[in-house]
Amino acid sequence: MQITEVRIQIIKAPRNKLMAFASLTLDDALVIKDFQIFSAPNGCFVGMPSRKMPDGTWRETVFAISTELSEQIKQTILRAYEDEISKPENRPTA
């Protein structure tokens, strides 16, 4: 399975540590949207697409079964995010 495209949507005025959203294309055939990129004390991390359940908890709607694929997805998204925020027009304001 190849990651063939990553799109990053920067949040210009981030709040609650959410810095951006990402979408991922696999094999030029499947798009997965709503990955979240959060800031944290030790750097950014990627949250998998999820939705809020009626009881208030959050449940991932997409997840990788293998650790290797999960890490590949997260690292690819983080690299794309770093590339985007390095552009002056995309730097967060907060």
PDB file of N, CA and C in Angstrom:
ATOM      1  N   MET A   1       0.852  -1.170   0.000  1.00  0.00           N
ATOM      2  CA  MET A   1       0.000   0.000   0.000  1.00  0.00           C
ATOM      3  C   MET A   1       0.901   1.237   0.000  1.00  0.00           C
ATOM      4  N   GLN A   2       0.694   2.096  -0.985  1.00  0.00           N
ATOM      5  CA  GLN A   2       1.514   3.293  -1.125  1.00  0.00           C
ATOM      6  C   GLN A   2       0.714   4.536  -0.745  1.00  0.00           C
ATOM      7  N   ILE A   3       1.343   5.429  -0.014  1.00  0.00           N
ATOM      8  CA  ILE A   3       0.762   6.744   0.236  1.00  0.00           C
ATOM      9  C   ILE A   3       1.137   7.590  -0.969  1.00  0.00           C
ATOM     10  N   THR A   4       0.146   7.981  -1.758  1.00  0.00           N
ATOM     11  CA  THR A   4       0.433   8.684  -3.003  1.00  0.00           C
ATOM     12  C   THR A   4       0.200  10.187  -2.921  1.00  0.00           C
ATOM     13  N   GLU A   5      -0.493  10.657  -1.889  1.00  0.00           N
ATOM     14  CA  GLU A   5      -0.684  12.101  -1.726  1.00  0.00           C
ATOM     15  C   GLU A   5      -1.071  12.401  -0.289  1.00  0.00           C
ATOM     16  N   VAL A   6      -0.578  13.541   0.202  1.00  0.00           N
ATOM     17  CA  VAL A   6      -0.976  14.052   1.509  1.00  0.00           C
ATOM     18  C   VAL A   6      -1.342  15.516   1.316  1.00  0.00           C
ATOM     19  N   ARG A   7      -2.496  15.894   1.818  1.00  0.00           N
ATOM     20  CA  ARG A   7      -2.909  17.301   1.778  1.00  0.00           C
ATOM     21  C   ARG A   7      -3.060  17.797   3.206  1.00  0.00           C
ATOM     22  N   ILE A   8      -2.536  18.989   3.443  1.00  0.00           N
ATOM     23  CA  ILE A   8      -2.567  19.592   4.770  1.00  0.00           C
ATOM     24  C   ILE A   8      -3.404  20.860   4.715  1.00  0.00           C
ATOM     25  N   GLN A   9      -4.301  21.009   5.692  1.00  0.00           N
ATOM     26  CA  GLN A   9      -5.077  22.240   5.832  1.00  0.00           C
ATOM     27  C   GLN A   9      -4.667  22.880   7.159  1.00  0.00           C
ATOM     28  N   ILE A  10      -3.860  23.930   7.066  1.00  0.00           N
ATOM     29  CA  ILE A  10      -3.371  24.634   8.250  1.00  0.00           C
ATOM     30  C   ILE A  10      -4.514  25.420   8.882  1.00  0.00           C
ATOM     31  N   ILE A  11      -4.573  25.410  10.196  1.00  0.00           N
ATOM     32  CA  ILE A  11      -5.513  26.257  10.926  1.00  0.00           C
ATOM     33  C   ILE A  11      -4.753  27.533  11.262  1.00  0.00           C
ATOM     34  N   LYS A  12      -5.173  28.647  10.681  1.00  0.00           N
ATOM     35  CA  LYS A  12      -4.428  29.910  10.809  1.00  0.00           C
ATOM     36  C   LYS A  12      -4.393  30.431  12.239  1.00  0.00           C
ATOM     37  N   ALA A  13      -5.455  30.237  12.995  1.00  0.00           N
ATOM     38  CA  ALA A  13      -5.492  30.657  14.394  1.00  0.00           C
ATOM     39  C   ALA A  13      -5.810  29.422  15.238  1.00  0.00           C
ATOM     40  N   PRO A  14      -4.805  28.578  15.492  1.00  0.00           N
ATOM     41  CA  PRO A  14      -5.070  27.313  16.191  1.00  0.00           C
ATOM     42  C   PRO A  14      -5.572  27.524  17.613  1.00  0.00           C
ATOM     43  N   ARG A  15      -6.402  26.583  18.046  1.00  0.00           N
ATOM     44  CA  ARG A  15      -6.879  26.596  19.433  1.00  0.00           C
ATOM     45  C   ARG A  15      -6.969  25.148  19.911  1.00  0.00           C
ATOM     46  N   ASN A  16      -6.895  24.975  21.194  1.00  0.00           N
ATOM     47  CA  ASN A  16      -6.935  23.639  21.796  1.00  0.00           C
ATOM     48  C   ASN A  16      -5.864  22.718  21.230  1.00  0.00           C
ATOM     49  N   LYS A  17      -4.731  23.288  20.842  1.00  0.00           N
ATOM     50  CA  LYS A  17      -3.562  22.548  20.356  1.00  0.00           C
ATOM     51  C   LYS A  17      -3.768  21.890  18.995  1.00  0.00           C
ATOM     52  N   LEU A  18      -4.938  22.049  18.380  1.00  0.00           N
ATOM     53  CA  LEU A  18      -5.168  21.525  17.039  1.00  0.00           C
ATOM     54  C   LEU A  18      -4.560  22.498  16.045  1.00  0.00           C
ATOM     55  N   MET A  19      -3.572  22.031  15.292  1.00  0.00           N
ATOM     56  CA  MET A  19      -2.819  22.896  14.388  1.00  0.00           C
ATOM     57  C   MET A  19      -3.246  22.761  12.930  1.00  0.00           C
ATOM     58  N   ALA A  20      -3.711  21.574  12.528  1.00  0.00           N
ATOM     59  CA  ALA A  20      -4.041  21.343  11.118  1.00  0.00           C
ATOM     60  C   ALA A  20      -4.845  20.058  10.976  1.00  0.00           C
ATOM     61  N   PHE A  21      -5.442  19.928   9.799  1.00  0.00           N
ATOM     62  CA  PHE A  21      -6.074  18.682   9.383  1.00  0.00           C
ATOM     63  C   PHE A  21      -5.300  18.140   8.198  1.00  0.00           C
ATOM     64  N   ALA A  22      -5.373  16.833   7.997  1.00  0.00           N
ATOM     65  CA  ALA A  22      -4.696  16.216   6.855  1.00  0.00           C
ATOM     66  C   ALA A  22      -5.623  15.204   6.206  1.00  0.00           C
ATOM     67  N   SER A  23      -5.434  15.040   4.907  1.00  0.00           N
ATOM     68  CA  SER A  23      -6.074  13.934   4.193  1.00  0.00           C
ATOM     69  C   SER A  23      -4.973  13.151   3.501  1.00  0.00           C
ATOM     70  N   LEU A  24      -5.228  11.893   3.310  1.00  0.00           N
ATOM     71  CA  LEU A  24      -4.220  10.963   2.810  1.00  0.00           C
ATOM     72  C   LEU A  24      -4.824  10.163   1.669  1.00  0.00           C
ATOM     73  N   THR A  25      -4.078  10.021   0.580  1.00  0.00           N
ATOM     74  CA  THR A  25      -4.523   9.189  -0.536  1.00  0.00           C
ATOM     75  C   THR A  25      -3.647   7.946  -0.592  1.00  0.00           C
ATOM     76  N   LEU A  26      -4.275   6.790  -0.701  1.00  0.00           N
ATOM     77  CA  LEU A  26      -3.566   5.517  -0.794  1.00  0.00           C
ATOM     78  C   LEU A  26      -3.735   4.944  -2.192  1.00  0.00           C
ATOM     79  N   ASP A  27      -2.624   4.574  -2.805  1.00  0.00           N
ATOM     80  CA  ASP A  27      -2.622   3.929  -4.128  1.00  0.00           C
ATOM     81  C   ASP A  27      -3.429   4.693  -5.179  1.00  0.00           C
ATOM     82  N   ASP A  28      -3.461   6.022  -5.074  1.00  0.00           N
ATOM     83  CA  ASP A  28      -4.242   6.849  -6.004  1.00  0.00           C
ATOM     84  C   ASP A  28      -5.686   6.373  -6.120  1.00  0.00           C
ATOM     85  N   ALA A  29      -6.195   5.703  -5.071  1.00  0.00           N
ATOM     86  CA  ALA A  29      -7.516   5.095  -5.176  1.00  0.00           C
ATOM     87  C   ALA A  29      -8.425   5.350  -3.975  1.00  0.00           C
ATOM     88  N   LEU A  30      -7.858   5.630  -2.813  1.00  0.00           N
ATOM     89  CA  LEU A  30      -8.656   5.770  -1.598  1.00  0.00           C
ATOM     90  C   LEU A  30      -8.185   6.998  -0.831  1.00  0.00           C
ATOM     91  N   VAL A  31      -9.128   7.883  -0.480  1.00  0.00           N
ATOM     92  CA  VAL A  31      -8.806   9.073   0.305  1.00  0.00           C
ATOM     93  C   VAL A  31      -9.365   8.896   1.707  1.00  0.00           C
ATOM     94  N   ILE A  32      -8.532   9.180   2.693  1.00  0.00           N
ATOM     95  CA  ILE A  32      -8.952   9.172   4.096  1.00  0.00           C
ATOM     96  C   ILE A  32      -8.762  10.588   4.606  1.00  0.00           C
ATOM     97  N   LYS A  33      -9.843  11.193   5.105  1.00  0.00           N
ATOM     98  CA  LYS A  33      -9.809  12.580   5.559  1.00  0.00           C
ATOM     99  C   LYS A  33      -9.883  12.653   7.078  1.00  0.00           C
ATOM    100  N   ASP A  34      -9.617  13.844   7.578  1.00  0.00           N
ATOM    101  CA  ASP A  34      -9.817  14.213   8.979  1.00  0.00           C
ATOM    102  C   ASP A  34      -8.787  13.664   9.953  1.00  0.00           C
ATOM    103  N   PHE A  35      -7.552  13.447   9.496  1.00  0.00           N
ATOM    104  CA  PHE A  35      -6.463  13.265  10.446  1.00  0.00           C
ATOM    105  C   PHE A  35      -6.259  14.627  11.105  1.00  0.00           C
ATOM    106  N   GLN A  36      -5.918  14.645  12.385  1.00  0.00           N
ATOM    107  CA  GLN A  36      -5.671  15.903  13.079  1.00  0.00           C
ATOM    108  C   GLN A  36      -4.202  15.968  13.482  1.00  0.00           C
ATOM    109  N   ILE A  37      -3.641  17.169  13.405  1.00  0.00           N
ATOM    110  CA  ILE A  37      -2.261  17.388  13.832  1.00  0.00           C
ATOM    111  C   ILE A  37      -2.319  18.314  15.041  1.00  0.00           C
ATOM    112  N   PHE A  38      -1.804  17.823  16.163  1.00  0.00           N
ATOM    113  CA  PHE A  38      -1.829  18.559  17.421  1.00  0.00           C
ATOM    114  C   PHE A  38      -0.418  18.946  17.837  1.00  0.00           C
ATOM    115  N   SER A  39      -0.305  20.089  18.517  1.00  0.00           N
ATOM    116  CA  SER A  39       0.977  20.448  19.119  1.00  0.00           C
ATOM    117  C   SER A  39       1.033  19.835  20.516  1.00  0.00           C
ATOM    118  N   ALA A  40       2.232  19.495  20.938  1.00  0.00           N
ATOM    119  CA  ALA A  40       2.454  18.908  22.260  1.00  0.00           C
ATOM    120  C   ALA A  40       3.819  19.381  22.747  1.00  0.00           C
ATOM    121  N   PRO A  41       4.098  19.248  24.035  1.00  0.00           N
ATOM    122  CA  PRO A  41       5.390  19.709  24.554  1.00  0.00           C
ATOM    123  C   PRO A  41       6.604  19.103  23.841  1.00  0.00           C
ATOM    124  N   ASN A  42       6.492  17.868  23.385  1.00  0.00           N
ATOM    125  CA  ASN A  42       7.627  17.209  22.722  1.00  0.00           C
ATOM    126  C   ASN A  42       7.516  17.220  21.204  1.00  0.00           C
ATOM    127  N   GLY A  43       6.715  18.113  20.647  1.00  0.00           N
ATOM    128  CA  GLY A  43       6.534  18.178  19.201  1.00  0.00           C
ATOM    129  C   GLY A  43       5.102  17.853  18.822  1.00  0.00           C
ATOM    130  N   CYS A  44       4.857  17.783  17.547  1.00  0.00           N
ATOM    131  CA  CYS A  44       3.501  17.522  17.057  1.00  0.00           C
ATOM    132  C   CYS A  44       3.219  16.024  17.004  1.00  0.00           C
ATOM    133  N   PHE A  45       1.933  15.690  17.056  1.00  0.00           N
ATOM    134  CA  PHE A  45       1.540  14.300  16.860  1.00  0.00           C
ATOM    135  C   PHE A  45       0.272  14.254  16.019  1.00  0.00           C
ATOM    136  N   VAL A  46       0.026  13.111  15.415  1.00  0.00           N
ATOM    137  CA  VAL A  46      -1.106  12.923  14.513  1.00  0.00           C
ATOM    138  C   VAL A  46      -2.191  12.120  15.213  1.00  0.00           C
ATOM    139  N   GLY A  47      -3.409  12.640  15.170  1.00  0.00           N
ATOM    140  CA  GLY A  47      -4.574  11.915  15.655  1.00  0.00           C
ATOM    141  C   GLY A  47      -5.299  11.295  14.474  1.00  0.00           C
ATOM    142  N   MET A  48      -5.700  10.065  14.625  1.00  0.00           N
ATOM    143  CA  MET A  48      -6.419   9.374  13.561  1.00  0.00           C
ATOM    144  C   MET A  48      -7.839   9.938  13.449  1.00  0.00           C
ATOM    145  N   PRO A  49      -8.481   9.795  12.289  1.00  0.00           N
ATOM    146  CA  PRO A  49      -9.864  10.249  12.152  1.00  0.00           C
ATOM    147  C   PRO A  49     -10.744   9.588  13.221  1.00  0.00           C
ATOM    148  N   SER A  50     -11.605  10.392  13.830  1.00  0.00           N
ATOM    149  CA  SER A  50     -12.442   9.870  14.914  1.00  0.00           C
ATOM    150  C   SER A  50     -13.753  10.643  14.960  1.00  0.00           C
ATOM    151  N   ARG A  51     -14.681  10.112  15.750  1.00  0.00           N
ATOM    152  CA  ARG A  51     -15.940  10.822  15.947  1.00  0.00           C
ATOM    153  C   ARG A  51     -16.373  10.685  17.401  1.00  0.00           C
ATOM    154  N   LYS A  52     -17.155  11.662  17.831  1.00  0.00           N
ATOM    155  CA  LYS A  52     -17.630  11.675  19.207  1.00  0.00           C
ATOM    156  C   LYS A  52     -18.851  10.775  19.324  1.00  0.00           C
ATOM    157  N   MET A  53     -18.823   9.919  20.315  1.00  0.00           N
ATOM    158  CA  MET A  53     -19.908   8.977  20.555  1.00  0.00           C
ATOM    159  C   MET A  53     -20.968   9.625  21.456  1.00  0.00           C
ATOM    160  N   PRO A  54     -22.169   9.055  21.513  1.00  0.00           N
ATOM    161  CA  PRO A  54     -23.236   9.631  22.345  1.00  0.00           C
ATOM    162  C   PRO A  54     -22.857   9.775  23.822  1.00  0.00           C
ATOM    163  N   ASP A  55     -21.971   8.907  24.312  1.00  0.00           N
ATOM    164  CA  ASP A  55     -21.576   8.993  25.723  1.00  0.00           C
ATOM    165  C   ASP A  55     -20.455  10.001  25.964  1.00  0.00           C
ATOM    166  N   GLY A  56     -20.035  10.730  24.904  1.00  0.00           N
ATOM    167  CA  GLY A  56     -19.012  11.761  25.052  1.00  0.00           C
ATOM    168  C   GLY A  56     -17.594  11.298  24.793  1.00  0.00           C
ATOM    169  N   THR A  57     -17.387  10.009  24.637  1.00  0.00           N
ATOM    170  CA  THR A  57     -16.049   9.505  24.329  1.00  0.00           C
ATOM    171  C   THR A  57     -15.790   9.626  22.828  1.00  0.00           C
ATOM    172  N   TRP A  58     -14.515   9.534  22.465  1.00  0.00           N
ATOM    173  CA  TRP A  58     -14.123   9.598  21.057  1.00  0.00           C
ATOM    174  C   TRP A  58     -13.685   8.218  20.605  1.00  0.00           C
ATOM    175  N   ARG A  59     -14.073   7.850  19.386  1.00  0.00           N
ATOM    176  CA  ARG A  59     -13.699   6.552  18.830  1.00  0.00           C
ATOM    177  C   ARG A  59     -13.088   6.768  17.453  1.00  0.00           C
ATOM    178  N   GLU A  60     -11.922   6.139  17.229  1.00  0.00           N
ATOM    179  CA  GLU A  60     -11.282   6.229  15.920  1.00  0.00           C
ATOM    180  C   GLU A  60     -12.159   5.545  14.880  1.00  0.00           C
ATOM    181  N   THR A  61     -12.331   6.197  13.735  1.00  0.00           N
ATOM    182  CA  THR A  61     -13.114   5.616  12.649  1.00  0.00           C
ATOM    183  C   THR A  61     -12.222   4.943  11.617  1.00  0.00           C
ATOM    184  N   VAL A  62     -10.947   5.271  11.637  1.00  0.00           N
ATOM    185  CA  VAL A  62      -9.947   4.659  10.757  1.00  0.00           C
ATOM    186  C   VAL A  62      -8.730   4.371  11.614  1.00  0.00           C
ATOM    187  N   PHE A  63      -8.172   3.178  11.470  1.00  0.00           N
ATOM    188  CA  PHE A  63      -6.945   2.872  12.193  1.00  0.00           C
ATOM    189  C   PHE A  63      -6.181   1.802  11.435  1.00  0.00           C
ATOM    190  N   ALA A  64      -4.878   1.843  11.580  1.00  0.00           N
ATOM    191  CA  ALA A  64      -4.018   0.845  10.940  1.00  0.00           C
ATOM    192  C   ALA A  64      -3.900  -0.354  11.870  1.00  0.00           C
ATOM    193  N   ILE A  65      -3.978  -1.525  11.312  1.00  0.00           N
ATOM    194  CA  ILE A  65      -3.834  -2.737  12.116  1.00  0.00           C
ATOM    195  C   ILE A  65      -2.367  -2.977  12.448  1.00  0.00           C
ATOM    196  N   SER A  66      -1.485  -2.689  11.502  1.00  0.00           N
ATOM    197  CA  SER A  66      -0.060  -2.911  11.765  1.00  0.00           C
ATOM    198  C   SER A  66       0.597  -1.636  12.294  1.00  0.00           C
ATOM    199  N   THR A  67       1.503  -1.806  13.231  1.00  0.00           N
ATOM    200  CA  THR A  67       2.257  -0.691  13.784  1.00  0.00           C
ATOM    201  C   THR A  67       3.079  -0.010  12.700  1.00  0.00           C
ATOM    202  N   GLU A  68       3.625  -0.793  11.783  1.00  0.00           N
ATOM    203  CA  GLU A  68       4.461  -0.236  10.720  1.00  0.00           C
ATOM    204  C   GLU A  68       3.667   0.727   9.845  1.00  0.00           C
ATOM    205  N   LEU A  69       2.469   0.335   9.436  1.00  0.00           N
ATOM    206  CA  LEU A  69       1.650   1.214   8.604  1.00  0.00           C
ATOM    207  C   LEU A  69       1.224   2.446   9.385  1.00  0.00           C
ATOM    208  N   SER A  70       0.860   2.271  10.637  1.00  0.00           N
ATOM    209  CA  SER A  70       0.474   3.402  11.470  1.00  0.00           C
ATOM    210  C   SER A  70       1.605   4.421  11.548  1.00  0.00           C
ATOM    211  N   GLU A  71       2.813   3.960  11.806  1.00  0.00           N
ATOM    212  CA  GLU A  71       3.969   4.863  11.890  1.00  0.00           C
ATOM    213  C   GLU A  71       4.266   5.518  10.548  1.00  0.00           C
ATOM    214  N   GLN A  72       4.148   4.767   9.466  1.00  0.00           N
ATOM    215  CA  GLN A  72       4.385   5.326   8.136  1.00  0.00           C
ATOM    216  C   GLN A  72       3.388   6.451   7.852  1.00  0.00           C
ATOM    217  N   ILE A  73       2.132   6.229   8.155  1.00  0.00           N
ATOM    218  CA  ILE A  73       1.104   7.248   7.948  1.00  0.00           C
ATOM    219  C   ILE A  73       1.422   8.491   8.770  1.00  0.00           C
ATOM    220  N   LYS A  74       1.677   8.311  10.050  1.00  0.00           N
ATOM    221  CA  LYS A  74       1.918   9.449  10.936  1.00  0.00           C
ATOM    222  C   LYS A  74       3.161  10.228  10.536  1.00  0.00           C
ATOM    223  N   GLN A  75       4.249   9.537  10.219  1.00  0.00           N
ATOM    224  CA  GLN A  75       5.484  10.225   9.829  1.00  0.00           C
ATOM    225  C   GLN A  75       5.318  10.960   8.502  1.00  0.00           C
ATOM    226  N   THR A  76       4.608  10.372   7.560  1.00  0.00           N
ATOM    227  CA  THR A  76       4.376  11.023   6.268  1.00  0.00           C
ATOM    228  C   THR A  76       3.542  12.288   6.452  1.00  0.00           C
ATOM    229  N   ILE A  77       2.517  12.221   7.283  1.00  0.00           N
ATOM    230  CA  ILE A  77       1.687  13.396   7.549  1.00  0.00           C
ATOM    231  C   ILE A  77       2.502  14.472   8.252  1.00  0.00           C
ATOM    232  N   LEU A  78       3.303  14.099   9.243  1.00  0.00           N
ATOM    233  CA  LEU A  78       4.108  15.096   9.953  1.00  0.00           C
ATOM    234  C   LEU A  78       5.125  15.763   9.034  1.00  0.00           C
ATOM    235  N   ARG A  79       5.741  15.006   8.129  1.00  0.00           N
ATOM    236  CA  ARG A  79       6.682  15.613   7.169  1.00  0.00           C
ATOM    237  C   ARG A  79       5.962  16.605   6.264  1.00  0.00           C
ATOM    238  N   ALA A  80       4.775  16.237   5.791  1.00  0.00           N
ATOM    239  CA  ALA A  80       4.003  17.145   4.933  1.00  0.00           C
ATOM    240  C   ALA A  80       3.597  18.400   5.704  1.00  0.00           C
ATOM    241  N   TYR A  81       3.250  18.236   6.973  1.00  0.00           N
ATOM    242  CA  TYR A  81       2.894  19.384   7.811  1.00  0.00           C
ATOM    243  C   TYR A  81       4.094  20.312   7.985  1.00  0.00           C
ATOM    244  N   GLU A  82       5.252  19.747   8.284  1.00  0.00           N
ATOM    245  CA  GLU A  82       6.463  20.564   8.440  1.00  0.00           C
ATOM    246  C   GLU A  82       6.777  21.319   7.156  1.00  0.00           C
ATOM    247  N   ASP A  83       6.608  20.677   6.016  1.00  0.00           N
ATOM    248  CA  ASP A  83       6.822  21.348   4.728  1.00  0.00           C
ATOM    249  C   ASP A  83       5.859  22.525   4.566  1.00  0.00           C
ATOM    250  N   GLU A  84       4.603  22.321   4.936  1.00  0.00           N
ATOM    251  CA  GLU A  84       3.601  23.386   4.783  1.00  0.00           C
ATOM    252  C   GLU A  84       3.866  24.564   5.708  1.00  0.00           C
ATOM    253  N   ILE A  85       4.192  24.298   6.974  1.00  0.00           N
ATOM    254  CA  ILE A  85       4.387  25.428   7.895  1.00  0.00           C
ATOM    255  C   ILE A  85       5.699  26.147   7.641  1.00  0.00           C
ATOM    256  N   SER A  86       6.585  25.553   6.862  1.00  0.00           N
ATOM    257  CA  SER A  86       7.824  26.257   6.525  1.00  0.00           C
ATOM    258  C   SER A  86       7.574  27.361   5.498  1.00  0.00           C
ATOM    259  N   LYS A  87       6.418  27.335   4.854  1.00  0.00           N
ATOM    260  CA  LYS A  87       6.050  28.386   3.905  1.00  0.00           C
ATOM    261  C   LYS A  87       5.531  29.587   4.698  1.00  0.00           C
ATOM    262  N   PRO A  88       6.056  30.792   4.432  1.00  0.00           N
ATOM    263  CA  PRO A  88       5.651  31.972   5.222  1.00  0.00           C
ATOM    264  C   PRO A  88       4.142  32.197   5.271  1.00  0.00           C
ATOM    265  N   GLU A  89       3.440  31.928   4.195  1.00  0.00           N
ATOM    266  CA  GLU A  89       1.994  32.182   4.173  1.00  0.00           C
ATOM    267  C   GLU A  89       1.200  31.184   5.008  1.00  0.00           C
ATOM    268  N   ASN A  90       1.824  30.117   5.458  1.00  0.00           N
ATOM    269  CA  ASN A  90       1.113  29.077   6.208  1.00  0.00           C
ATOM    270  C   ASN A  90       1.500  28.981   7.669  1.00  0.00           C
ATOM    271  N   ARG A  91       2.318  29.867   8.160  1.00  0.00           N
ATOM    272  CA  ARG A  91       2.724  29.776   9.565  1.00  0.00           C
ATOM    273  C   ARG A  91       1.553  30.125  10.474  1.00  0.00           C
ATOM    274  N   PRO A  92       1.315  29.303  11.501  1.00  0.00           N
ATOM    275  CA  PRO A  92       0.233  29.609  12.451  1.00  0.00           C
ATOM    276  C   PRO A  92       0.496  30.935  13.150  1.00  0.00           C
ATOM    277  N   THR A  93      -0.579  31.616  13.554  1.00  0.00           N
ATOM    278  CA  THR A  93      -0.436  32.922  14.192  1.00  0.00           C
ATOM    279  C   THR A  93      -0.298  32.829  15.703  1.00  0.00           C
ATOM    280  N   ALA A  94      -0.556  31.685  16.281  1.00  0.00           N
ATOM    281  CA  ALA A  94      -0.472  31.561  17.747  1.00  0.00           C
ATOM    282  C   ALA A  94       0.615  30.607  18.152  1.00  0.00           C
TER     283      ALA A  94
END
